[in-house]
Amino acid sequence: MIRLQPGPPATVADLRRAQHLAGLLRGELQRIRAAALAWRNGLGGLLVALVGFSLIRGRSDVTTLAPGWGPLVGVLLLAALGAGVGGALTLLRAAHGPLSVTPVAAVAPAPLGDHQEALAAVRALRTGVGLVLLCTALLVAAVGVTWYAPAAG
């Protein structure tokens, strides 16, 4: 049979560590939300600059490309659009929370619920950043194809 016995009394250092950890948990969700907002704004600016640059330079009509290159540009742009929309939605989820209502019975106690939401927000932030960077790479590839693909005829 296992018998439980009290451990040694907490030291001042143990109490300070517990207070420090509780303080970190209290502000964790707000810090992650602020970081998500900053990433959303920064990556949005990157995409606006990239789209603006691609509209200024490059061929304006993919029909001037050699056969087969136009559909490739279309597929790249469609994939970029999908990645960009997915990235934007996950960054918004990270910055503002889920777009759903949680039943009262499913609400976790404050420190645990906030920590679970912080973990979900970090996952959404990482996914959103990855998708926006993928969107950027796909846009660059599409613009590169319009610039450097052989011309028709």
N, C-alpha and C. Protein backbone atom coordinates (compact mmCIF):
# COMPACT_ATOMS: atom_id res chain seq x y z
N MET A 1 0.84 -1.17 0.00
CA MET A 1 0.00 0.00 0.00
C MET A 1 0.89 1.24 0.00
N ILE A 2 0.48 2.22 -0.76
CA ILE A 2 1.24 3.46 -0.85
C ILE A 2 0.67 4.44 0.16
N ARG A 3 1.54 5.06 0.93
CA ARG A 3 1.12 6.06 1.91
C ARG A 3 1.67 7.42 1.48
N LEU A 4 0.79 8.37 1.43
CA LEU A 4 1.18 9.72 1.09
C LEU A 4 1.52 10.48 2.35
N GLN A 5 2.61 11.23 2.28
CA GLN A 5 3.02 12.04 3.42
C GLN A 5 3.30 13.45 2.91
N PRO A 6 3.11 14.43 3.75
CA PRO A 6 3.40 15.79 3.30
C PRO A 6 4.89 15.97 3.00
N GLY A 7 5.16 16.79 2.01
CA GLY A 7 6.53 17.10 1.65
C GLY A 7 7.07 18.21 2.52
N PRO A 8 8.24 18.68 2.19
CA PRO A 8 8.82 19.77 2.98
C PRO A 8 8.01 21.06 2.76
N PRO A 9 8.04 21.95 3.71
CA PRO A 9 7.30 23.21 3.53
C PRO A 9 7.91 24.04 2.39
N ALA A 10 7.04 24.84 1.76
CA ALA A 10 7.48 25.67 0.65
C ALA A 10 8.44 26.74 1.14
N THR A 11 9.46 26.97 0.34
CA THR A 11 10.40 28.04 0.67
C THR A 11 9.91 29.34 0.02
N VAL A 12 10.58 30.42 0.35
CA VAL A 12 10.25 31.71 -0.25
C VAL A 12 10.45 31.65 -1.76
N ALA A 13 11.50 30.96 -2.20
CA ALA A 13 11.76 30.82 -3.63
C ALA A 13 10.63 30.05 -4.32
N ASP A 14 10.12 28.99 -3.66
CA ASP A 14 9.00 28.23 -4.22
C ASP A 14 7.77 29.12 -4.37
N LEU A 15 7.49 29.92 -3.37
CA LEU A 15 6.32 30.80 -3.42
C LEU A 15 6.47 31.87 -4.50
N ARG A 16 7.67 32.42 -4.63
CA ARG A 16 7.90 33.43 -5.69
C ARG A 16 7.75 32.81 -7.07
N ARG A 17 8.26 31.59 -7.23
CA ARG A 17 8.13 30.89 -8.52
C ARG A 17 6.66 30.64 -8.84
N ALA A 18 5.88 30.23 -7.87
CA ALA A 18 4.45 30.00 -8.08
C ALA A 18 3.74 31.30 -8.45
N GLN A 19 4.08 32.40 -7.80
CA GLN A 19 3.48 33.69 -8.13
C GLN A 19 3.87 34.12 -9.54
N HIS A 20 5.14 33.92 -9.87
CA HIS A 20 5.63 34.28 -11.20
C HIS A 20 4.90 33.46 -12.28
N LEU A 21 4.76 32.18 -12.06
CA LEU A 21 4.07 31.31 -13.02
C LEU A 21 2.60 31.71 -13.15
N ALA A 22 1.95 32.02 -12.04
CA ALA A 22 0.56 32.45 -12.09
C ALA A 22 0.43 33.76 -12.87
N GLY A 23 1.37 34.67 -12.69
CA GLY A 23 1.36 35.93 -13.44
C GLY A 23 1.55 35.70 -14.93
N LEU A 24 2.45 34.78 -15.29
CA LEU A 24 2.66 34.47 -16.70
C LEU A 24 1.39 33.88 -17.32
N LEU A 25 0.75 32.99 -16.60
CA LEU A 25 -0.47 32.38 -17.12
C LEU A 25 -1.59 33.40 -17.26
N ARG A 26 -1.66 34.36 -16.33
CA ARG A 26 -2.71 35.38 -16.39
C ARG A 26 -2.59 36.23 -17.65
N GLY A 27 -1.39 36.58 -18.04
CA GLY A 27 -1.20 37.47 -19.19
C GLY A 27 -0.87 36.75 -20.49
N GLU A 28 -0.84 35.42 -20.46
CA GLU A 28 -0.42 34.64 -21.63
C GLU A 28 -1.31 34.88 -22.84
N LEU A 29 -2.60 34.79 -22.68
CA LEU A 29 -3.51 34.93 -23.81
C LEU A 29 -3.44 36.33 -24.42
N GLN A 30 -3.34 37.36 -23.59
CA GLN A 30 -3.25 38.73 -24.12
C GLN A 30 -1.95 38.92 -24.91
N ARG A 31 -0.84 38.35 -24.44
CA ARG A 31 0.43 38.47 -25.16
C ARG A 31 0.36 37.77 -26.52
N ILE A 32 -0.27 36.62 -26.56
CA ILE A 32 -0.38 35.89 -27.82
C ILE A 32 -1.30 36.62 -28.78
N ARG A 33 -2.40 37.17 -28.29
CA ARG A 33 -3.31 37.92 -29.14
C ARG A 33 -2.61 39.16 -29.73
N ALA A 34 -1.81 39.84 -28.91
CA ALA A 34 -1.07 41.01 -29.40
C ALA A 34 -0.05 40.60 -30.47
N ALA A 35 0.63 39.48 -30.25
CA ALA A 35 1.59 38.99 -31.25
C ALA A 35 0.87 38.61 -32.54
N ALA A 36 -0.29 37.99 -32.43
CA ALA A 36 -1.05 37.61 -33.62
C ALA A 36 -1.49 38.84 -34.41
N LEU A 37 -1.90 39.90 -33.71
CA LEU A 37 -2.27 41.14 -34.40
C LEU A 37 -1.08 41.73 -35.15
N ALA A 38 0.07 41.71 -34.50
CA ALA A 38 1.27 42.26 -35.14
C ALA A 38 1.65 41.44 -36.37
N TRP A 39 1.60 40.12 -36.26
CA TRP A 39 1.92 39.27 -37.41
C TRP A 39 0.91 39.48 -38.53
N ARG A 40 -0.37 39.57 -38.17
CA ARG A 40 -1.41 39.78 -39.18
C ARG A 40 -1.15 41.07 -39.94
N ASN A 41 -0.86 42.14 -39.23
CA ASN A 41 -0.61 43.44 -39.87
C ASN A 41 0.65 43.40 -40.72
N GLY A 42 1.70 42.82 -40.21
CA GLY A 42 2.96 42.76 -40.96
C GLY A 42 2.85 41.91 -42.22
N LEU A 43 2.24 40.74 -42.10
CA LEU A 43 2.10 39.87 -43.26
C LEU A 43 1.11 40.43 -44.26
N GLY A 44 0.08 41.13 -43.77
CA GLY A 44 -0.85 41.79 -44.68
C GLY A 44 -0.15 42.86 -45.50
N GLY A 45 0.72 43.62 -44.86
CA GLY A 45 1.51 44.63 -45.58
C GLY A 45 2.42 44.00 -46.62
N LEU A 46 3.03 42.87 -46.27
CA LEU A 46 3.89 42.16 -47.22
C LEU A 46 3.09 41.73 -48.45
N LEU A 47 1.91 41.18 -48.23
CA LEU A 47 1.10 40.74 -49.37
C LEU A 47 0.62 41.90 -50.21
N VAL A 48 0.24 43.00 -49.58
CA VAL A 48 -0.19 44.17 -50.34
C VAL A 48 0.97 44.69 -51.20
N ALA A 49 2.15 44.75 -50.63
CA ALA A 49 3.31 45.20 -51.39
C ALA A 49 3.62 44.26 -52.55
N LEU A 50 3.53 42.97 -52.29
CA LEU A 50 3.84 41.99 -53.33
C LEU A 50 2.81 42.05 -54.46
N VAL A 51 1.53 42.12 -54.11
CA VAL A 51 0.49 42.20 -55.14
C VAL A 51 0.64 43.51 -55.92
N GLY A 52 0.90 44.60 -55.23
CA GLY A 52 1.10 45.88 -55.92
C GLY A 52 2.28 45.83 -56.87
N PHE A 53 3.36 45.19 -56.46
CA PHE A 53 4.53 45.08 -57.31
C PHE A 53 4.22 44.21 -58.53
N SER A 54 3.48 43.12 -58.32
CA SER A 54 3.19 42.23 -59.44
C SER A 54 2.23 42.88 -60.43
N LEU A 55 1.40 43.82 -59.96
CA LEU A 55 0.51 44.51 -60.89
C LEU A 55 1.25 45.57 -61.69
N ILE A 56 2.30 46.13 -61.11
CA ILE A 56 3.06 47.17 -61.80
C ILE A 56 3.95 46.56 -62.88
N ARG A 57 4.56 45.43 -62.58
CA ARG A 57 5.53 44.83 -63.49
C ARG A 57 4.99 43.52 -64.04
N GLY A 58 5.53 43.06 -65.12
CA GLY A 58 5.17 41.77 -65.69
C GLY A 58 4.12 41.90 -66.78
N ARG A 59 3.90 40.79 -67.47
CA ARG A 59 2.92 40.77 -68.56
C ARG A 59 1.52 40.90 -67.98
N SER A 60 0.70 41.64 -68.65
CA SER A 60 -0.66 41.84 -68.15
C SER A 60 -1.64 40.84 -68.76
N ASP A 61 -1.20 40.09 -69.75
CA ASP A 61 -2.09 39.15 -70.44
C ASP A 61 -1.37 37.81 -70.59
N VAL A 62 -1.90 36.76 -69.96
CA VAL A 62 -1.22 35.47 -70.03
C VAL A 62 -1.41 34.80 -71.39
N THR A 63 -2.26 35.35 -72.25
CA THR A 63 -2.40 34.77 -73.59
C THR A 63 -1.16 35.02 -74.44
N THR A 64 -0.29 35.93 -74.01
CA THR A 64 0.95 36.17 -74.75
C THR A 64 2.01 35.15 -74.40
N LEU A 65 1.72 34.24 -73.44
CA LEU A 65 2.68 33.20 -73.07
C LEU A 65 2.55 32.01 -74.02
N ALA A 66 3.62 31.23 -74.11
CA ALA A 66 3.59 30.02 -74.92
C ALA A 66 2.53 29.06 -74.38
N PRO A 67 1.99 28.21 -75.24
CA PRO A 67 0.94 27.28 -74.80
C PRO A 67 1.41 26.44 -73.58
N GLY A 68 0.50 26.28 -72.63
CA GLY A 68 0.81 25.51 -71.42
C GLY A 68 1.24 26.36 -70.25
N TRP A 69 1.79 27.54 -70.52
CA TRP A 69 2.27 28.39 -69.42
C TRP A 69 1.14 29.18 -68.77
N GLY A 70 0.14 29.56 -69.53
CA GLY A 70 -1.00 30.31 -68.99
C GLY A 70 -1.75 29.52 -67.91
N PRO A 71 -2.10 28.26 -68.20
CA PRO A 71 -2.76 27.47 -67.15
C PRO A 71 -1.90 27.29 -65.90
N LEU A 72 -0.58 27.19 -66.08
CA LEU A 72 0.31 27.08 -64.92
C LEU A 72 0.21 28.33 -64.05
N VAL A 73 0.20 29.49 -64.70
CA VAL A 73 0.05 30.74 -63.94
C VAL A 73 -1.29 30.74 -63.21
N GLY A 74 -2.35 30.28 -63.87
CA GLY A 74 -3.66 30.22 -63.25
C GLY A 74 -3.69 29.31 -62.04
N VAL A 75 -3.07 28.15 -62.14
CA VAL A 75 -3.02 27.21 -61.02
C VAL A 75 -2.22 27.81 -59.86
N LEU A 76 -1.10 28.45 -60.17
CA LEU A 76 -0.30 29.08 -59.12
C LEU A 76 -1.07 30.19 -58.42
N LEU A 77 -1.78 31.01 -59.19
CA LEU A 77 -2.58 32.08 -58.59
C LEU A 77 -3.74 31.54 -57.76
N LEU A 78 -4.37 30.47 -58.24
CA LEU A 78 -5.46 29.86 -57.48
C LEU A 78 -4.94 29.27 -56.18
N ALA A 79 -3.80 28.60 -56.23
CA ALA A 79 -3.20 28.05 -55.01
C ALA A 79 -2.79 29.16 -54.05
N ALA A 80 -2.26 30.26 -54.61
CA ALA A 80 -1.89 31.41 -53.76
C ALA A 80 -3.12 32.00 -53.11
N LEU A 81 -4.22 32.10 -53.84
CA LEU A 81 -5.45 32.62 -53.28
C LEU A 81 -5.94 31.73 -52.13
N GLY A 82 -5.92 30.42 -52.35
CA GLY A 82 -6.34 29.49 -51.29
C GLY A 82 -5.47 29.59 -50.06
N ALA A 83 -4.16 29.64 -50.26
CA ALA A 83 -3.24 29.75 -49.12
C ALA A 83 -3.41 31.10 -48.43
N GLY A 84 -3.62 32.16 -49.20
CA GLY A 84 -3.79 33.48 -48.60
C GLY A 84 -5.07 33.59 -47.79
N VAL A 85 -6.16 33.05 -48.31
CA VAL A 85 -7.42 33.07 -47.56
C VAL A 85 -7.30 32.22 -46.30
N GLY A 86 -6.72 31.03 -46.44
CA GLY A 86 -6.53 30.18 -45.26
C GLY A 86 -5.64 30.85 -44.22
N GLY A 87 -4.57 31.47 -44.67
CA GLY A 87 -3.68 32.17 -43.75
C GLY A 87 -4.36 33.34 -43.07
N ALA A 88 -5.13 34.10 -43.83
CA ALA A 88 -5.84 35.25 -43.24
C ALA A 88 -6.84 34.78 -42.19
N LEU A 89 -7.59 33.73 -42.49
CA LEU A 89 -8.58 33.24 -41.54
C LEU A 89 -7.93 32.70 -40.27
N THR A 90 -6.83 31.98 -40.41
CA THR A 90 -6.18 31.45 -39.20
C THR A 90 -5.50 32.56 -38.40
N LEU A 91 -4.98 33.59 -39.08
CA LEU A 91 -4.41 34.72 -38.34
C LEU A 91 -5.51 35.49 -37.61
N LEU A 92 -6.66 35.63 -38.23
CA LEU A 92 -7.78 36.28 -37.55
C LEU A 92 -8.25 35.45 -36.36
N ARG A 93 -8.26 34.13 -36.51
CA ARG A 93 -8.64 33.26 -35.40
C ARG A 93 -7.64 33.40 -34.25
N ALA A 94 -6.36 33.48 -34.59
CA ALA A 94 -5.34 33.64 -33.55
C ALA A 94 -5.47 34.98 -32.85
N ALA A 95 -5.80 36.02 -33.60
CA ALA A 95 -5.86 37.36 -33.02
C ALA A 95 -7.14 37.62 -32.24
N HIS A 96 -8.24 37.00 -32.65
CA HIS A 96 -9.54 37.36 -32.07
C HIS A 96 -10.29 36.19 -31.44
N GLY A 97 -9.79 34.98 -31.57
CA GLY A 97 -10.47 33.83 -30.99
C GLY A 97 -11.35 33.13 -32.00
N PRO A 98 -11.92 32.01 -31.57
CA PRO A 98 -12.74 31.22 -32.50
C PRO A 98 -14.07 31.90 -32.79
N LEU A 99 -14.59 31.62 -33.95
CA LEU A 99 -15.88 32.16 -34.35
C LEU A 99 -16.95 31.14 -33.97
N SER A 100 -17.15 30.99 -32.68
CA SER A 100 -18.14 30.05 -32.17
C SER A 100 -18.52 30.44 -30.76
N VAL A 101 -19.60 29.86 -30.31
CA VAL A 101 -20.07 30.08 -28.95
C VAL A 101 -19.83 28.79 -28.18
N THR A 102 -19.18 28.89 -27.04
CA THR A 102 -18.91 27.72 -26.21
C THR A 102 -20.05 27.53 -25.23
N PRO A 103 -20.61 26.32 -25.18
CA PRO A 103 -21.66 26.08 -24.18
C PRO A 103 -21.12 26.30 -22.77
N VAL A 104 -21.96 26.82 -21.90
CA VAL A 104 -21.53 27.14 -20.54
C VAL A 104 -20.96 25.93 -19.83
N ALA A 105 -21.55 24.77 -20.06
CA ALA A 105 -21.07 23.55 -19.39
C ALA A 105 -19.66 23.17 -19.83
N ALA A 106 -19.24 23.62 -21.00
CA ALA A 106 -17.92 23.25 -21.52
C ALA A 106 -16.84 24.27 -21.19
N VAL A 107 -17.19 25.37 -20.53
CA VAL A 107 -16.21 26.40 -20.20
C VAL A 107 -15.30 25.89 -19.07
N ALA A 108 -14.02 25.90 -19.33
CA ALA A 108 -13.04 25.46 -18.33
C ALA A 108 -12.79 26.59 -17.33
N PRO A 109 -12.30 26.27 -16.14
CA PRO A 109 -11.95 27.31 -15.17
C PRO A 109 -10.95 28.30 -15.77
N ALA A 110 -10.97 29.52 -15.27
CA ALA A 110 -10.22 30.64 -15.87
C ALA A 110 -8.77 30.33 -16.22
N PRO A 111 -7.92 29.90 -15.32
CA PRO A 111 -6.53 29.71 -15.75
C PRO A 111 -6.40 28.61 -16.80
N LEU A 112 -7.11 27.52 -16.64
CA LEU A 112 -7.01 26.41 -17.58
C LEU A 112 -7.62 26.78 -18.92
N GLY A 113 -8.79 27.40 -18.91
CA GLY A 113 -9.44 27.79 -20.16
C GLY A 113 -8.62 28.79 -20.94
N ASP A 114 -8.05 29.77 -20.25
CA ASP A 114 -7.20 30.76 -20.93
C ASP A 114 -5.96 30.10 -21.51
N HIS A 115 -5.38 29.16 -20.77
CA HIS A 115 -4.18 28.48 -21.27
C HIS A 115 -4.51 27.62 -22.49
N GLN A 116 -5.64 26.92 -22.45
CA GLN A 116 -6.05 26.12 -23.60
C GLN A 116 -6.29 27.01 -24.82
N GLU A 117 -6.92 28.15 -24.62
CA GLU A 117 -7.14 29.07 -25.73
C GLU A 117 -5.82 29.67 -26.22
N ALA A 118 -4.89 29.93 -25.31
CA ALA A 118 -3.58 30.44 -25.72
C ALA A 118 -2.85 29.41 -26.58
N LEU A 119 -2.92 28.14 -26.21
CA LEU A 119 -2.29 27.09 -27.02
C LEU A 119 -2.93 27.00 -28.40
N ALA A 120 -4.26 27.08 -28.46
CA ALA A 120 -4.95 27.05 -29.75
C ALA A 120 -4.59 28.28 -30.59
N ALA A 121 -4.47 29.44 -29.95
CA ALA A 121 -4.11 30.66 -30.68
C ALA A 121 -2.69 30.57 -31.23
N VAL A 122 -1.78 29.99 -30.48
CA VAL A 122 -0.40 29.83 -30.98
C VAL A 122 -0.37 28.88 -32.18
N ARG A 123 -1.13 27.79 -32.10
CA ARG A 123 -1.21 26.87 -33.25
C ARG A 123 -1.76 27.60 -34.47
N ALA A 124 -2.82 28.37 -34.28
CA ALA A 124 -3.41 29.12 -35.39
C ALA A 124 -2.43 30.16 -35.93
N LEU A 125 -1.69 30.80 -35.04
CA LEU A 125 -0.71 31.80 -35.48
C LEU A 125 0.39 31.16 -36.32
N ARG A 126 0.91 30.04 -35.86
CA ARG A 126 1.96 29.35 -36.63
C ARG A 126 1.44 28.88 -37.99
N THR A 127 0.23 28.33 -38.00
CA THR A 127 -0.36 27.88 -39.26
C THR A 127 -0.60 29.06 -40.19
N GLY A 128 -1.13 30.15 -39.65
CA GLY A 128 -1.39 31.33 -40.47
C GLY A 128 -0.14 31.92 -41.06
N VAL A 129 0.92 32.01 -40.28
CA VAL A 129 2.18 32.53 -40.79
C VAL A 129 2.70 31.63 -41.91
N GLY A 130 2.64 30.33 -41.70
CA GLY A 130 3.09 29.40 -42.74
C GLY A 130 2.29 29.52 -44.02
N LEU A 131 0.97 29.64 -43.88
CA LEU A 131 0.13 29.76 -45.07
C LEU A 131 0.36 31.09 -45.81
N VAL A 132 0.56 32.16 -45.08
CA VAL A 132 0.82 33.44 -45.74
C VAL A 132 2.18 33.41 -46.45
N LEU A 133 3.16 32.79 -45.84
CA LEU A 133 4.46 32.67 -46.51
C LEU A 133 4.35 31.77 -47.74
N LEU A 134 3.54 30.71 -47.66
CA LEU A 134 3.29 29.87 -48.83
C LEU A 134 2.59 30.68 -49.92
N CYS A 135 1.61 31.48 -49.55
CA CYS A 135 0.92 32.36 -50.50
C CYS A 135 1.92 33.29 -51.18
N THR A 136 2.82 33.85 -50.39
CA THR A 136 3.84 34.75 -50.95
C THR A 136 4.72 34.02 -51.96
N ALA A 137 5.14 32.82 -51.60
CA ALA A 137 5.99 32.04 -52.52
C ALA A 137 5.24 31.70 -53.80
N LEU A 138 3.96 31.35 -53.68
CA LEU A 138 3.18 31.03 -54.87
C LEU A 138 2.96 32.26 -55.75
N LEU A 139 2.73 33.42 -55.13
CA LEU A 139 2.60 34.65 -55.92
C LEU A 139 3.90 35.00 -56.63
N VAL A 140 5.00 34.84 -55.94
CA VAL A 140 6.30 35.11 -56.57
C VAL A 140 6.52 34.16 -57.74
N ALA A 141 6.16 32.90 -57.55
CA ALA A 141 6.32 31.92 -58.64
C ALA A 141 5.42 32.29 -59.83
N ALA A 142 4.18 32.69 -59.56
CA ALA A 142 3.27 33.06 -60.65
C ALA A 142 3.80 34.27 -61.41
N VAL A 143 4.27 35.27 -60.68
CA VAL A 143 4.82 36.46 -61.34
C VAL A 143 6.09 36.09 -62.10
N GLY A 144 6.91 35.24 -61.52
CA GLY A 144 8.13 34.80 -62.22
C GLY A 144 7.82 34.08 -63.51
N VAL A 145 6.79 33.25 -63.49
CA VAL A 145 6.41 32.55 -64.72
C VAL A 145 5.93 33.54 -65.77
N THR A 146 5.15 34.55 -65.36
CA THR A 146 4.68 35.53 -66.36
C THR A 146 5.83 36.34 -66.92
N TRP A 147 6.87 36.56 -66.12
CA TRP A 147 8.02 37.33 -66.60
C TRP A 147 8.92 36.51 -67.52
N TYR A 148 9.18 35.26 -67.10
CA TYR A 148 10.27 34.51 -67.75
C TYR A 148 9.82 33.36 -68.64
N ALA A 149 8.53 33.05 -68.68
CA ALA A 149 8.06 31.99 -69.57
C ALA A 149 8.21 32.44 -71.02
N PRO A 150 8.40 31.49 -71.91
CA PRO A 150 8.55 31.89 -73.32
C PRO A 150 7.25 32.52 -73.86
N ALA A 151 7.43 33.44 -74.79
CA ALA A 151 6.28 34.12 -75.40
C ALA A 151 5.65 33.22 -76.45
N ALA A 152 4.37 33.45 -76.73
CA ALA A 152 3.66 32.68 -77.76
C ALA A 152 4.20 33.04 -79.13
N GLY A 153 4.15 32.03 -80.01
CA GLY A 153 4.52 32.28 -81.40
C GLY A 153 5.98 32.48 -81.55
